[in-house]
Amino acid sequence: MMDAYGMVQLAKNWTSVPTQRKCEVEAPHIDKLIPQKSFVTLELEVKDCPGVNYLEHVQAKVSLTADRRGEIEIYLTSPAGTKSTLLAQRPHDSSRSGFH
């Protein structure tokens, strides 16, 4: 059961989130060979975007080339430490056709 009256009462005093803002942060171009079993960490600061106090979603554009595509892993980690997988390792993908 749902309390329709209670929901209407809450809606009368509802505080909306602020207007959506867009913030674009460009990462430095890294043209670097990453040896097997190693990694690169790239930290980007959003605090340089005026008026942005919350992040609701993130879009990441990544360009890379790899000889063994199944070994590539990409993670996005929030300032609070939440780790999201953007590209997981695929242990059964032993193709040497690469990842471009």
C-alpha atoms as a PDB file:
ATOM      1  CA  MET A   1       0.000   0.000   0.000  1.00  0.00           C
ATOM      2  CA  MET A   2       1.045   3.548  -0.633  1.00  0.00           C
ATOM      3  CA  ASP A   3       0.036   6.636   1.340  1.00  0.00           C
ATOM      4  CA  ALA A   4      -1.071   9.042  -1.421  1.00  0.00           C
ATOM      5  CA  TYR A   5      -1.967  11.779   1.068  1.00  0.00           C
ATOM      6  CA  GLY A   6       1.459  11.519   2.702  1.00  0.00           C
ATOM      7  CA  MET A   7       3.187  11.687  -0.680  1.00  0.00           C
ATOM      8  CA  VAL A   8       1.234  14.830  -1.625  1.00  0.00           C
ATOM      9  CA  GLN A   9       2.149  16.446   1.705  1.00  0.00           C
ATOM     10  CA  LEU A  10       5.836  15.707   1.101  1.00  0.00           C
ATOM     11  CA  ALA A  11       5.595  17.028  -2.452  1.00  0.00           C
ATOM     12  CA  LYS A  12       4.275  20.383  -1.224  1.00  0.00           C
ATOM     13  CA  ASN A  13       7.596  21.097   0.516  1.00  0.00           C
ATOM     14  CA  TRP A  14       9.887  19.256  -1.879  1.00  0.00           C
ATOM     15  CA  THR A  15      13.249  20.877  -2.510  1.00  0.00           C
ATOM     16  CA  SER A  16      14.490  20.248  -6.030  1.00  0.00           C
ATOM     17  CA  VAL A  17      18.096  19.719  -6.925  1.00  0.00           C
ATOM     18  CA  PRO A  18      19.934  22.705  -8.438  1.00  0.00           C
ATOM     19  CA  THR A  19      19.790  23.341 -12.180  1.00  0.00           C
ATOM     20  CA  GLN A  20      21.979  20.960 -14.135  1.00  0.00           C
ATOM     21  CA  ARG A  21      25.385  22.298 -15.044  1.00  0.00           C
ATOM     22  CA  LYS A  22      27.912  20.903 -17.449  1.00  0.00           C
ATOM     23  CA  CYS A  23      31.584  20.679 -16.651  1.00  0.00           C
ATOM     24  CA  GLU A  24      34.209  19.457 -19.086  1.00  0.00           C
ATOM     25  CA  VAL A  25      37.655  18.574 -17.839  1.00  0.00           C
ATOM     26  CA  GLU A  26      40.281  17.760 -20.432  1.00  0.00           C
ATOM     27  CA  ALA A  27      42.916  15.242 -19.491  1.00  0.00           C
ATOM     28  CA  PRO A  28      46.464  15.717 -20.685  1.00  0.00           C
ATOM     29  CA  HIS A  29      47.296  13.606 -23.720  1.00  0.00           C
ATOM     30  CA  ILE A  30      49.388  10.668 -22.635  1.00  0.00           C
ATOM     31  CA  ASP A  31      51.159   8.969 -25.501  1.00  0.00           C
ATOM     32  CA  LYS A  32      52.920   6.409 -23.412  1.00  0.00           C
ATOM     33  CA  LEU A  33      53.741   2.726 -23.597  1.00  0.00           C
ATOM     34  CA  ILE A  34      52.353   0.888 -20.580  1.00  0.00           C
ATOM     35  CA  PRO A  35      54.240  -2.350 -19.910  1.00  0.00           C
ATOM     36  CA  GLN A  36      52.280  -5.525 -19.195  1.00  0.00           C
ATOM     37  CA  LYS A  37      51.044  -5.966 -15.627  1.00  0.00           C
ATOM     38  CA  SER A  38      51.427  -2.231 -14.926  1.00  0.00           C
ATOM     39  CA  PHE A  39      49.000   0.684 -14.890  1.00  0.00           C
ATOM     40  CA  VAL A  40      48.619   4.425 -15.325  1.00  0.00           C
ATOM     41  CA  THR A  41      46.646   6.615 -12.921  1.00  0.00           C
ATOM     42  CA  LEU A  42      45.177   9.876 -14.158  1.00  0.00           C
ATOM     43  CA  GLU A  43      43.620  12.314 -11.662  1.00  0.00           C
ATOM     44  CA  LEU A  44      41.235  15.004 -12.878  1.00  0.00           C
ATOM     45  CA  GLU A  45      39.921  17.849 -10.713  1.00  0.00           C
ATOM     46  CA  VAL A  46      36.321  19.024 -11.081  1.00  0.00           C
ATOM     47  CA  LYS A  47      36.709  21.784  -8.491  1.00  0.00           C
ATOM     48  CA  ASP A  48      37.747  24.216 -11.235  1.00  0.00           C
ATOM     49  CA  CYS A  49      34.150  24.280 -12.539  1.00  0.00           C
ATOM     50  CA  PRO A  50      32.264  27.156 -10.886  1.00  0.00           C
ATOM     51  CA  GLY A  51      28.848  26.250  -9.511  1.00  0.00           C
ATOM     52  CA  VAL A  52      29.357  22.477  -9.708  1.00  0.00           C
ATOM     53  CA  ASN A  53      28.850  21.011  -6.255  1.00  0.00           C
ATOM     54  CA  TYR A  54      27.609  17.522  -7.131  1.00  0.00           C
ATOM     55  CA  LEU A  55      28.333  14.974  -9.835  1.00  0.00           C
ATOM     56  CA  GLU A  56      25.343  13.018 -11.029  1.00  0.00           C
ATOM     57  CA  HIS A  57      26.981  11.246 -13.944  1.00  0.00           C
ATOM     58  CA  VAL A  58      30.286  11.146 -15.760  1.00  0.00           C
ATOM     59  CA  GLN A  59      31.128  10.519 -19.387  1.00  0.00           C
ATOM     60  CA  ALA A  60      34.632   9.407 -20.253  1.00  0.00           C
ATOM     61  CA  LYS A  61      36.134   9.428 -23.735  1.00  0.00           C
ATOM     62  CA  VAL A  62      39.134   7.134 -23.868  1.00  0.00           C
ATOM     63  CA  SER A  63      41.442   6.502 -26.809  1.00  0.00           C
ATOM     64  CA  LEU A  64      43.901   3.641 -26.664  1.00  0.00           C
ATOM     65  CA  THR A  65      45.644   1.001 -28.669  1.00  0.00           C
ATOM     66  CA  ALA A  66      46.620  -2.372 -27.234  1.00  0.00           C
ATOM     67  CA  ASP A  67      48.035  -5.595 -28.641  1.00  0.00           C
ATOM     68  CA  ARG A  68      45.962  -7.876 -26.384  1.00  0.00           C
ATOM     69  CA  ARG A  69      42.509  -6.436 -25.942  1.00  0.00           C
ATOM     70  CA  GLY A  70      41.383  -8.945 -23.299  1.00  0.00           C
ATOM     71  CA  GLU A  71      43.962  -7.647 -20.821  1.00  0.00           C
ATOM     72  CA  ILE A  72      42.763  -4.035 -20.765  1.00  0.00           C
ATOM     73  CA  GLU A  73      40.985  -2.784 -17.639  1.00  0.00           C
ATOM     74  CA  ILE A  74      39.663   0.755 -17.091  1.00  0.00           C
ATOM     75  CA  TYR A  75      38.249   2.013 -13.792  1.00  0.00           C
ATOM     76  CA  LEU A  76      36.802   5.317 -12.656  1.00  0.00           C
ATOM     77  CA  THR A  77      37.253   6.095  -8.959  1.00  0.00           C
ATOM     78  CA  SER A  78      35.313   8.864  -7.210  1.00  0.00           C
ATOM     79  CA  PRO A  79      36.884  11.181  -4.621  1.00  0.00           C
ATOM     80  CA  ALA A  80      35.026   9.156  -1.966  1.00  0.00           C
ATOM     81  CA  GLY A  81      36.671   5.964  -3.233  1.00  0.00           C
ATOM     82  CA  THR A  82      33.744   4.428  -5.148  1.00  0.00           C
ATOM     83  CA  LYS A  83      35.268   2.369  -7.958  1.00  0.00           C
ATOM     84  CA  SER A  84      33.281   1.857 -11.177  1.00  0.00           C
ATOM     85  CA  THR A  85      34.400  -0.514 -13.910  1.00  0.00           C
ATOM     86  CA  LEU A  86      34.388   1.073 -17.365  1.00  0.00           C
ATOM     87  CA  LEU A  87      36.133  -1.821 -19.098  1.00  0.00           C
ATOM     88  CA  ALA A  88      36.672  -5.165 -17.391  1.00  0.00           C
ATOM     89  CA  GLN A  89      39.411  -7.636 -18.210  1.00  0.00           C
ATOM     90  CA  ARG A  90      38.199 -10.479 -20.435  1.00  0.00           C
ATOM     91  CA  PRO A  91      40.274 -13.554 -19.537  1.00  0.00           C
ATOM     92  CA  HIS A  92      38.825 -15.660 -22.374  1.00  0.00           C
ATOM     93  CA  ASP A  93      39.620 -13.018 -25.004  1.00  0.00           C
ATOM     94  CA  SER A  94      43.089 -14.031 -26.104  1.00  0.00           C
ATOM     95  CA  SER A  95      42.783 -12.429 -29.530  1.00  0.00           C
ATOM     96  CA  ARG A  96      45.901 -10.696 -30.737  1.00  0.00           C
ATOM     97  CA  SER A  97      43.944  -8.568 -33.219  1.00  0.00           C
ATOM     98  CA  GLY A  98      44.317  -5.715 -30.764  1.00  0.00           C
ATOM     99  CA  PHE A  99      42.132  -2.980 -29.368  1.00  0.00           C
ATOM    100  CA  HIS A 100      41.878   0.277 -31.275  1.00  0.00           C
END
